[in-house]
Amino acid sequence: MKVHPELDHPEVILHDGAHLLETVTSNIAIHMPTSNPDEPEWVTPRLETHSRPFLHGVMRRYLLERGIIREDDITVANWEEARRDGRRVIGVNGLR
């Protein structure tokens, strides 16, 4: 999958040096590969209020409750791989 520059939207991604947290305006999710290459899954950073505080937004919570996305650690390296491989990285509504 090729990333199309005309579809890219600049966004500042917040991280703690190792793990992604969110963007300036929204929560984030990355389309991550699985053991079955035909079934990638959406992953959002794990919310840890003590060490990685960030917004637990409405859409993020909605998607988690329905099993559409799952929480896990997402590293800066994971994000760089996703961008390099042309995988989707999305921001979702960050409202509380």
PDB file of N, CA and C in Angstrom:
ATOM      1  N   MET A   1       0.846  -1.173   0.000  1.00  0.00           N
ATOM      2  CA  MET A   1       0.000   0.000   0.000  1.00  0.00           C
ATOM      3  C   MET A   1       0.890   1.234   0.000  1.00  0.00           C
ATOM      4  N   LYS A   2       0.725   2.103  -0.948  1.00  0.00           N
ATOM      5  CA  LYS A   2       1.512   3.328  -1.054  1.00  0.00           C
ATOM      6  C   LYS A   2       0.825   4.452  -0.298  1.00  0.00           C
ATOM      7  N   VAL A   3       1.627   5.256   0.381  1.00  0.00           N
ATOM      8  CA  VAL A   3       1.105   6.451   1.027  1.00  0.00           C
ATOM      9  C   VAL A   3       1.070   7.551  -0.021  1.00  0.00           C
ATOM     10  N   HIS A   4      -0.053   8.212  -0.133  1.00  0.00           N
ATOM     11  CA  HIS A   4      -0.222   9.278  -1.115  1.00  0.00           C
ATOM     12  C   HIS A   4      -0.047  10.619  -0.431  1.00  0.00           C
ATOM     13  N   PRO A   5       0.975  11.402  -0.830  1.00  0.00           N
ATOM     14  CA  PRO A   5       1.241  12.684  -0.184  1.00  0.00           C
ATOM     15  C   PRO A   5       0.030  13.597  -0.150  1.00  0.00           C
ATOM     16  N   GLU A   6      -0.811  13.560  -1.168  1.00  0.00           N
ATOM     17  CA  GLU A   6      -1.976  14.437  -1.182  1.00  0.00           C
ATOM     18  C   GLU A   6      -3.010  14.042  -0.124  1.00  0.00           C
ATOM     19  N   LEU A   7      -2.894  12.820   0.427  1.00  0.00           N
ATOM     20  CA  LEU A   7      -3.800  12.366   1.476  1.00  0.00           C
ATOM     21  C   LEU A   7      -3.197  12.513   2.867  1.00  0.00           C
ATOM     22  N   ASP A   8      -1.914  12.805   2.933  1.00  0.00           N
ATOM     23  CA  ASP A   8      -1.263  12.966   4.232  1.00  0.00           C
ATOM     24  C   ASP A   8      -1.688  14.270   4.876  1.00  0.00           C
ATOM     25  N   HIS A   9      -1.878  14.210   6.174  1.00  0.00           N
ATOM     26  CA  HIS A   9      -2.225  15.402   6.933  1.00  0.00           C
ATOM     27  C   HIS A   9      -1.225  15.523   8.075  1.00  0.00           C
ATOM     28  N   PRO A  10      -0.452  16.598   8.102  1.00  0.00           N
ATOM     29  CA  PRO A  10       0.548  16.733   9.164  1.00  0.00           C
ATOM     30  C   PRO A  10      -0.115  16.775  10.541  1.00  0.00           C
ATOM     31  N   GLU A  11       0.500  16.112  11.473  1.00  0.00           N
ATOM     32  CA  GLU A  11      -0.001  16.078  12.842  1.00  0.00           C
ATOM     33  C   GLU A  11       1.184  15.855  13.766  1.00  0.00           C
ATOM     34  N   VAL A  12       1.154  16.464  14.902  1.00  0.00           N
ATOM     35  CA  VAL A  12       2.195  16.262  15.901  1.00  0.00           C
ATOM     36  C   VAL A  12       1.807  15.055  16.742  1.00  0.00           C
ATOM     37  N   ILE A  13       2.701  14.082  16.811  1.00  0.00           N
ATOM     38  CA  ILE A  13       2.454  12.876  17.594  1.00  0.00           C
ATOM     39  C   ILE A  13       3.238  12.982  18.894  1.00  0.00           C
ATOM     40  N   LEU A  14       2.538  12.820  19.997  1.00  0.00           N
ATOM     41  CA  LEU A  14       3.165  12.891  21.311  1.00  0.00           C
ATOM     42  C   LEU A  14       3.639  11.502  21.725  1.00  0.00           C
ATOM     43  N   HIS A  15       4.813  11.449  22.330  1.00  0.00           N
ATOM     44  CA  HIS A  15       5.371  10.182  22.799  1.00  0.00           C
ATOM     45  C   HIS A  15       6.201  10.459  24.046  1.00  0.00           C
ATOM     46  N   ASP A  16       6.573   9.385  24.733  1.00  0.00           N
ATOM     47  CA  ASP A  16       7.381   9.534  25.951  1.00  0.00           C
ATOM     48  C   ASP A  16       8.846   9.171  25.704  1.00  0.00           C
ATOM     49  N   GLY A  17       9.242   9.151  24.443  1.00  0.00           N
ATOM     50  CA  GLY A  17      10.596   8.779  24.078  1.00  0.00           C
ATOM     51  C   GLY A  17      10.664   7.373  23.521  1.00  0.00           C
ATOM     52  N   ALA A  18       9.787   6.515  23.998  1.00  0.00           N
ATOM     53  CA  ALA A  18       9.754   5.132  23.527  1.00  0.00           C
ATOM     54  C   ALA A  18       8.383   4.746  22.991  1.00  0.00           C
ATOM     55  N   HIS A  19       7.315   5.198  23.663  1.00  0.00           N
ATOM     56  CA  HIS A  19       5.955   4.786  23.329  1.00  0.00           C
ATOM     57  C   HIS A  19       5.118   5.965  22.830  1.00  0.00           C
ATOM     58  N   LEU A  20       4.261   5.683  21.838  1.00  0.00           N
ATOM     59  CA  LEU A  20       3.323   6.701  21.372  1.00  0.00           C
ATOM     60  C   LEU A  20       2.253   6.905  22.427  1.00  0.00           C
ATOM     61  N   LEU A  21       1.755   8.136  22.508  1.00  0.00           N
ATOM     62  CA  LEU A  21       0.677   8.459  23.431  1.00  0.00           C
ATOM     63  C   LEU A  21      -0.585   8.845  22.660  1.00  0.00           C
ATOM     64  N   GLU A  22      -0.505   9.927  21.890  1.00  0.00           N
ATOM     65  CA  GLU A  22      -1.632  10.451  21.141  1.00  0.00           C
ATOM     66  C   GLU A  22      -1.120  11.531  20.202  1.00  0.00           C
ATOM     67  N   THR A  23      -2.005  12.163  19.462  1.00  0.00           N
ATOM     68  CA  THR A  23      -1.615  13.324  18.678  1.00  0.00           C
ATOM     69  C   THR A  23      -2.012  14.556  19.468  1.00  0.00           C
ATOM     70  N   VAL A  24      -1.684  15.719  18.967  1.00  0.00           N
ATOM     71  CA  VAL A  24      -2.045  16.952  19.661  1.00  0.00           C
ATOM     72  C   VAL A  24      -3.561  17.112  19.750  1.00  0.00           C
ATOM     73  N   THR A  25      -4.281  16.617  18.739  1.00  0.00           N
ATOM     74  CA  THR A  25      -5.727  16.836  18.693  1.00  0.00           C
ATOM     75  C   THR A  25      -6.572  15.583  18.869  1.00  0.00           C
ATOM     76  N   SER A  26      -5.967  14.411  18.914  1.00  0.00           N
ATOM     77  CA  SER A  26      -6.793  13.207  18.954  1.00  0.00           C
ATOM     78  C   SER A  26      -6.018  12.005  19.493  1.00  0.00           C
ATOM     79  N   ASN A  27      -6.772  10.952  19.790  1.00  0.00           N
ATOM     80  CA  ASN A  27      -6.156   9.668  20.095  1.00  0.00           C
ATOM     81  C   ASN A  27      -5.665   9.070  18.782  1.00  0.00           C
ATOM     82  N   ILE A  28      -4.828   8.061  18.875  1.00  0.00           N
ATOM     83  CA  ILE A  28      -4.206   7.493  17.682  1.00  0.00           C
ATOM     84  C   ILE A  28      -4.431   5.986  17.656  1.00  0.00           C
ATOM     85  N   ALA A  29      -4.486   5.441  16.450  1.00  0.00           N
ATOM     86  CA  ALA A  29      -4.537   3.996  16.254  1.00  0.00           C
ATOM     87  C   ALA A  29      -3.721   3.675  15.005  1.00  0.00           C
ATOM     88  N   ILE A  30      -3.075   2.518  15.031  1.00  0.00           N
ATOM     89  CA  ILE A  30      -2.239   2.080  13.910  1.00  0.00           C
ATOM     90  C   ILE A  30      -2.732   0.716  13.445  1.00  0.00           C
ATOM     91  N   HIS A  31      -2.785   0.538  12.139  1.00  0.00           N
ATOM     92  CA  HIS A  31      -3.131  -0.754  11.551  1.00  0.00           C
ATOM     93  C   HIS A  31      -1.886  -1.628  11.642  1.00  0.00           C
ATOM     94  N   MET A  32      -1.892  -2.605  12.531  1.00  0.00           N
ATOM     95  CA  MET A  32      -0.719  -3.420  12.814  1.00  0.00           C
ATOM     96  C   MET A  32      -0.865  -4.805  12.201  1.00  0.00           C
ATOM     97  N   PRO A  33       0.259  -5.373  11.726  1.00  0.00           N
ATOM     98  CA  PRO A  33       0.197  -6.730  11.182  1.00  0.00           C
ATOM     99  C   PRO A  33      -0.045  -7.747  12.297  1.00  0.00           C
ATOM    100  N   THR A  34      -0.605  -8.870  11.915  1.00  0.00           N
ATOM    101  CA  THR A  34      -0.822  -9.986  12.845  1.00  0.00           C
ATOM    102  C   THR A  34      -0.158 -11.228  12.242  1.00  0.00           C
ATOM    103  N   SER A  35      -0.309 -12.355  12.906  1.00  0.00           N
ATOM    104  CA  SER A  35       0.261 -13.595  12.361  1.00  0.00           C
ATOM    105  C   SER A  35      -0.428 -13.976  11.049  1.00  0.00           C
ATOM    106  N   ASN A  36      -1.655 -13.501  10.853  1.00  0.00           N
ATOM    107  CA  ASN A  36      -2.360 -13.705   9.586  1.00  0.00           C
ATOM    108  C   ASN A  36      -2.288 -12.400   8.792  1.00  0.00           C
ATOM    109  N   PRO A  37      -1.452 -12.327   7.766  1.00  0.00           N
ATOM    110  CA  PRO A  37      -1.261 -11.078   7.030  1.00  0.00           C
ATOM    111  C   PRO A  37      -2.531 -10.537   6.374  1.00  0.00           C
ATOM    112  N   ASP A  38      -3.555 -11.395   6.217  1.00  0.00           N
ATOM    113  CA  ASP A  38      -4.813 -10.928   5.635  1.00  0.00           C
ATOM    114  C   ASP A  38      -5.720 -10.270   6.666  1.00  0.00           C
ATOM    115  N   GLU A  39      -5.327 -10.310   7.937  1.00  0.00           N
ATOM    116  CA  GLU A  39      -6.164  -9.754   8.991  1.00  0.00           C
ATOM    117  C   GLU A  39      -5.376  -8.840   9.928  1.00  0.00           C
ATOM    118  N   PRO A  40      -4.923  -7.695   9.428  1.00  0.00           N
ATOM    119  CA  PRO A  40      -4.273  -6.751  10.342  1.00  0.00           C
ATOM    120  C   PRO A  40      -5.306  -6.227  11.335  1.00  0.00           C
ATOM    121  N   GLU A  41      -4.845  -5.654  12.416  1.00  0.00           N
ATOM    122  CA  GLU A  41      -5.783  -5.133  13.407  1.00  0.00           C
ATOM    123  C   GLU A  41      -5.402  -3.723  13.807  1.00  0.00           C
ATOM    124  N   TRP A  42      -6.388  -2.988  14.284  1.00  0.00           N
ATOM    125  CA  TRP A  42      -6.168  -1.629  14.769  1.00  0.00           C
ATOM    126  C   TRP A  42      -5.743  -1.684  16.231  1.00  0.00           C
ATOM    127  N   VAL A  43      -4.665  -0.973  16.549  1.00  0.00           N
ATOM    128  CA  VAL A  43      -4.133  -0.945  17.914  1.00  0.00           C
ATOM    129  C   VAL A  43      -4.004   0.503  18.344  1.00  0.00           C
ATOM    130  N   THR A  44      -4.409   0.782  19.571  1.00  0.00           N
ATOM    131  CA  THR A  44      -4.276   2.111  20.163  1.00  0.00           C
ATOM    132  C   THR A  44      -3.370   1.997  21.381  1.00  0.00           C
ATOM    133  N   PRO A  45      -2.629   3.044  21.724  1.00  0.00           N
ATOM    134  CA  PRO A  45      -1.731   2.938  22.881  1.00  0.00           C
ATOM    135  C   PRO A  45      -2.471   2.579  24.163  1.00  0.00           C
ATOM    136  N   ARG A  46      -1.790   1.796  24.979  1.00  0.00           N
ATOM    137  CA  ARG A  46      -2.326   1.393  26.285  1.00  0.00           C
ATOM    138  C   ARG A  46      -2.370   2.615  27.207  1.00  0.00           C
ATOM    139  N   LEU A  47      -3.501   2.805  27.853  1.00  0.00           N
ATOM    140  CA  LEU A  47      -3.672   3.905  28.792  1.00  0.00           C
ATOM    141  C   LEU A  47      -3.148   3.469  30.157  1.00  0.00           C
ATOM    142  N   GLU A  48      -2.091   4.139  30.601  1.00  0.00           N
ATOM    143  CA  GLU A  48      -1.548   3.909  31.938  1.00  0.00           C
ATOM    144  C   GLU A  48      -1.494   5.271  32.616  1.00  0.00           C
ATOM    145  N   THR A  49      -2.442   5.531  33.476  1.00  0.00           N
ATOM    146  CA  THR A  49      -2.602   6.874  34.015  1.00  0.00           C
ATOM    147  C   THR A  49      -1.397   7.367  34.798  1.00  0.00           C
ATOM    148  N   HIS A  50      -0.621   6.475  35.376  1.00  0.00           N
ATOM    149  CA  HIS A  50       0.521   6.913  36.171  1.00  0.00           C
ATOM    150  C   HIS A  50       1.741   7.246  35.309  1.00  0.00           C
ATOM    151  N   SER A  51       2.071   6.353  34.384  1.00  0.00           N
ATOM    152  CA  SER A  51       3.299   6.545  33.623  1.00  0.00           C
ATOM    153  C   SER A  51       3.072   7.152  32.241  1.00  0.00           C
ATOM    154  N   ARG A  52       1.876   6.978  31.681  1.00  0.00           N
ATOM    155  CA  ARG A  52       1.582   7.510  30.351  1.00  0.00           C
ATOM    156  C   ARG A  52       0.190   8.117  30.341  1.00  0.00           C
ATOM    157  N   PRO A  53       0.035   9.254  30.970  1.00  0.00           N
ATOM    158  CA  PRO A  53      -1.302   9.856  30.997  1.00  0.00           C
ATOM    159  C   PRO A  53      -1.641  10.469  29.645  1.00  0.00           C
ATOM    160  N   PHE A  54      -2.821  10.208  29.152  1.00  0.00           N
ATOM    161  CA  PHE A  54      -3.308  10.871  27.952  1.00  0.00           C
ATOM    162  C   PHE A  54      -4.821  10.783  27.934  1.00  0.00           C
ATOM    163  N   LEU A  55      -5.392  11.416  26.963  1.00  0.00           N
ATOM    164  CA  LEU A  55      -6.834  11.528  26.860  1.00  0.00           C
ATOM    165  C   LEU A  55      -7.481  10.196  26.497  1.00  0.00           C
ATOM    166  N   HIS A  56      -8.406   9.754  27.319  1.00  0.00           N
ATOM    167  CA  HIS A  56      -9.183   8.535  27.029  1.00  0.00           C
ATOM    168  C   HIS A  56     -10.469   9.005  26.360  1.00  0.00           C
ATOM    169  N   GLY A  57     -10.346   9.341  25.067  1.00  0.00           N
ATOM    170  CA  GLY A  57     -11.422   9.986  24.333  1.00  0.00           C
ATOM    171  C   GLY A  57     -12.642   9.113  24.091  1.00  0.00           C
ATOM    172  N   VAL A  58     -13.728   9.781  23.718  1.00  0.00           N
ATOM    173  CA  VAL A  58     -15.019   9.141  23.494  1.00  0.00           C
ATOM    174  C   VAL A  58     -14.944   8.084  22.387  1.00  0.00           C
ATOM    175  N   MET A  59     -14.400   8.434  21.236  1.00  0.00           N
ATOM    176  CA  MET A  59     -14.354   7.482  20.123  1.00  0.00           C
ATOM    177  C   MET A  59     -13.415   6.325  20.432  1.00  0.00           C
ATOM    178  N   ARG A  60     -12.296   6.604  21.065  1.00  0.00           N
ATOM    179  CA  ARG A  60     -11.361   5.546  21.456  1.00  0.00           C
ATOM    180  C   ARG A  60     -12.068   4.545  22.365  1.00  0.00           C
ATOM    181  N   ARG A  61     -12.755   5.054  23.370  1.00  0.00           N
ATOM    182  CA  ARG A  61     -13.477   4.204  24.316  1.00  0.00           C
ATOM    183  C   ARG A  61     -14.565   3.393  23.598  1.00  0.00           C
ATOM    184  N   TYR A  62     -15.299   4.036  22.692  1.00  0.00           N
ATOM    185  CA  TYR A  62     -16.353   3.379  21.917  1.00  0.00           C
ATOM    186  C   TYR A  62     -15.777   2.219  21.099  1.00  0.00           C
ATOM    187  N   LEU A  63     -14.671   2.475  20.391  1.00  0.00           N
ATOM    188  CA  LEU A  63     -14.054   1.449  19.558  1.00  0.00           C
ATOM    189  C   LEU A  63     -13.491   0.307  20.391  1.00  0.00           C
ATOM    190  N   LEU A  64     -12.925   0.615  21.550  1.00  0.00           N
ATOM    191  CA  LEU A  64     -12.416  -0.424  22.452  1.00  0.00           C
ATOM    192  C   LEU A  64     -13.549  -1.299  22.976  1.00  0.00           C
ATOM    193  N   GLU A  65     -14.640  -0.672  23.408  1.00  0.00           N
ATOM    194  CA  GLU A  65     -15.778  -1.414  23.965  1.00  0.00           C
ATOM    195  C   GLU A  65     -16.378  -2.382  22.954  1.00  0.00           C
ATOM    196  N   ARG A  66     -16.298  -2.055  21.682  1.00  0.00           N
ATOM    197  CA  ARG A  66     -16.873  -2.894  20.633  1.00  0.00           C
ATOM    198  C   ARG A  66     -15.860  -3.849  20.011  1.00  0.00           C
ATOM    199  N   GLY A  67     -14.629  -3.834  20.493  1.00  0.00           N
ATOM    200  CA  GLY A  67     -13.612  -4.752  19.990  1.00  0.00           C
ATOM    201  C   GLY A  67     -13.092  -4.407  18.602  1.00  0.00           C
ATOM    202  N   ILE A  68     -13.307  -3.175  18.160  1.00  0.00           N
ATOM    203  CA  ILE A  68     -12.841  -2.748  16.843  1.00  0.00           C
ATOM    204  C   ILE A  68     -11.351  -2.433  16.889  1.00  0.00           C
ATOM    205  N   ILE A  69     -10.903  -1.901  18.015  1.00  0.00           N
ATOM    206  CA  ILE A  69      -9.480  -1.671  18.246  1.00  0.00           C
ATOM    207  C   ILE A  69      -9.127  -2.337  19.565  1.00  0.00           C
ATOM    208  N   ARG A  70      -7.849  -2.513  19.798  1.00  0.00           N
ATOM    209  CA  ARG A  70      -7.404  -3.058  21.086  1.00  0.00           C
ATOM    210  C   ARG A  70      -6.247  -2.208  21.596  1.00  0.00           C
ATOM    211  N   GLU A  71      -6.042  -2.253  22.896  1.00  0.00           N
ATOM    212  CA  GLU A  71      -4.941  -1.526  23.514  1.00  0.00           C
ATOM    213  C   GLU A  71      -3.683  -2.377  23.512  1.00  0.00           C
ATOM    214  N   ASP A  72      -2.551  -1.722  23.291  1.00  0.00           N
ATOM    215  CA  ASP A  72      -1.257  -2.381  23.421  1.00  0.00           C
ATOM    216  C   ASP A  72      -0.201  -1.296  23.426  1.00  0.00           C
ATOM    217  N   ASP A  73       1.017  -1.668  23.755  1.00  0.00           N
ATOM    218  CA  ASP A  73       2.115  -0.719  23.652  1.00  0.00           C
ATOM    219  C   ASP A  73       2.403  -0.492  22.174  1.00  0.00           C
ATOM    220  N   ILE A  74       2.509   0.769  21.786  1.00  0.00           N
ATOM    221  CA  ILE A  74       2.923   1.122  20.428  1.00  0.00           C
ATOM    222  C   ILE A  74       4.176   1.960  20.570  1.00  0.00           C
ATOM    223  N   THR A  75       5.248   1.466  20.013  1.00  0.00           N
ATOM    224  CA  THR A  75       6.521   2.173  20.130  1.00  0.00           C
ATOM    225  C   THR A  75       6.689   3.158  18.976  1.00  0.00           C
ATOM    226  N   VAL A  76       7.626   4.059  19.161  1.00  0.00           N
ATOM    227  CA  VAL A  76       7.982   4.986  18.085  1.00  0.00           C
ATOM    228  C   VAL A  76       8.437   4.183  16.870  1.00  0.00           C
ATOM    229  N   ALA A  77       9.165   3.089  17.103  1.00  0.00           N
ATOM    230  CA  ALA A  77       9.608   2.228  16.001  1.00  0.00           C
ATOM    231  C   ALA A  77       8.420   1.617  15.262  1.00  0.00           C
ATOM    232  N   ASN A  78       7.353   1.222  15.993  1.00  0.00           N
ATOM    233  CA  ASN A  78       6.147   0.701  15.336  1.00  0.00           C
ATOM    234  C   ASN A  78       5.551   1.743  14.400  1.00  0.00           C
ATOM    235  N   TRP A  79       5.491   2.981  14.860  1.00  0.00           N
ATOM    236  CA  TRP A  79       4.958   4.068  14.039  1.00  0.00           C
ATOM    237  C   TRP A  79       5.817   4.283  12.797  1.00  0.00           C
ATOM    238  N   GLU A  80       7.139   4.292  12.988  1.00  0.00           N
ATOM    239  CA  GLU A  80       8.044   4.480  11.848  1.00  0.00           C
ATOM    240  C   GLU A  80       7.882   3.353  10.835  1.00  0.00           C
ATOM    241  N   GLU A  81       7.727   2.109  11.305  1.00  0.00           N
ATOM    242  CA  GLU A  81       7.502   0.970  10.410  1.00  0.00           C
ATOM    243  C   GLU A  81       6.192   1.128   9.651  1.00  0.00           C
ATOM    244  N   ALA A  82       5.150   1.529  10.357  1.00  0.00           N
ATOM    245  CA  ALA A  82       3.842   1.696   9.717  1.00  0.00           C
ATOM    246  C   ALA A  82       3.921   2.725   8.605  1.00  0.00           C
ATOM    247  N   ARG A  83       4.569   3.839   8.868  1.00  0.00           N
ATOM    248  CA  ARG A  83       4.707   4.881   7.844  1.00  0.00           C
ATOM    249  C   ARG A  83       5.552   4.374   6.674  1.00  0.00           C
ATOM    250  N   ARG A  84       6.634   3.699   6.975  1.00  0.00           N
ATOM    251  CA  ARG A  84       7.507   3.178   5.919  1.00  0.00           C
ATOM    252  C   ARG A  84       6.783   2.149   5.050  1.00  0.00           C
ATOM    253  N   ASP A  85       5.964   1.285   5.696  1.00  0.00           N
ATOM    254  CA  ASP A  85       5.267   0.214   4.986  1.00  0.00           C
ATOM    255  C   ASP A  85       3.963   0.673   4.343  1.00  0.00           C
ATOM    256  N   GLY A  86       3.586   1.931   4.572  1.00  0.00           N
ATOM    257  CA  GLY A  86       2.352   2.446   3.983  1.00  0.00           C
ATOM    258  C   GLY A  86       1.097   1.991   4.694  1.00  0.00           C
ATOM    259  N   ARG A  87       1.240   1.539   5.968  1.00  0.00           N
ATOM    260  CA  ARG A  87       0.055   1.145   6.731  1.00  0.00           C
ATOM    261  C   ARG A  87      -0.660   2.386   7.258  1.00  0.00           C
ATOM    262  N   ARG A  88      -1.910   2.246   7.552  1.00  0.00           N
ATOM    263  CA  ARG A  88      -2.705   3.392   7.993  1.00  0.00           C
ATOM    264  C   ARG A  88      -2.432   3.728   9.451  1.00  0.00           C
ATOM    265  N   VAL A  89      -2.355   5.010   9.703  1.00  0.00           N
ATOM    266  CA  VAL A  89      -2.244   5.570  11.042  1.00  0.00           C
ATOM    267  C   VAL A  89      -3.338   6.622  11.116  1.00  0.00           C
ATOM    268  N   ILE A  90      -4.251   6.486  12.077  1.00  0.00           N
ATOM    269  CA  ILE A  90      -5.377   7.412  12.135  1.00  0.00           C
ATOM    270  C   ILE A  90      -5.460   8.097  13.503  1.00  0.00           C
ATOM    271  N   GLY A  91      -6.050   9.251  13.494  1.00  0.00           N
ATOM    272  CA  GLY A  91      -6.421   9.942  14.718  1.00  0.00           C
ATOM    273  C   GLY A  91      -7.917   9.831  14.872  1.00  0.00           C
ATOM    274  N   VAL A  92      -8.364   9.600  16.106  1.00  0.00           N
ATOM    275  CA  VAL A  92      -9.815   9.513  16.373  1.00  0.00           C
ATOM    276  C   VAL A  92     -10.183  10.556  17.407  1.00  0.00           C
ATOM    277  N   ASN A  93     -11.422  10.962  17.373  1.00  0.00           N
ATOM    278  CA  ASN A  93     -11.968  11.983  18.245  1.00  0.00           C
ATOM    279  C   ASN A  93     -11.421  11.884  19.663  1.00  0.00           C
ATOM    280  N   GLY A  94     -10.857  12.975  20.144  1.00  0.00           N
ATOM    281  CA  GLY A  94     -10.265  12.970  21.467  1.00  0.00           C
ATOM    282  C   GLY A  94     -11.114  13.604  22.539  1.00  0.00           C
ATOM    283  N   LEU A  95     -12.401  13.874  22.274  1.00  0.00           N
ATOM    284  CA  LEU A  95     -13.260  14.490  23.274  1.00  0.00           C
ATOM    285  C   LEU A  95     -13.501  13.547  24.429  1.00  0.00           C
ATOM    286  N   ARG A  96     -13.666  14.118  25.616  1.00  0.00           N
ATOM    287  CA  ARG A  96     -14.016  13.300  26.780  1.00  0.00           C
ATOM    288  C   ARG A  96     -15.520  13.159  26.858  1.00  0.00           C
TER     289      ARG A  96
END
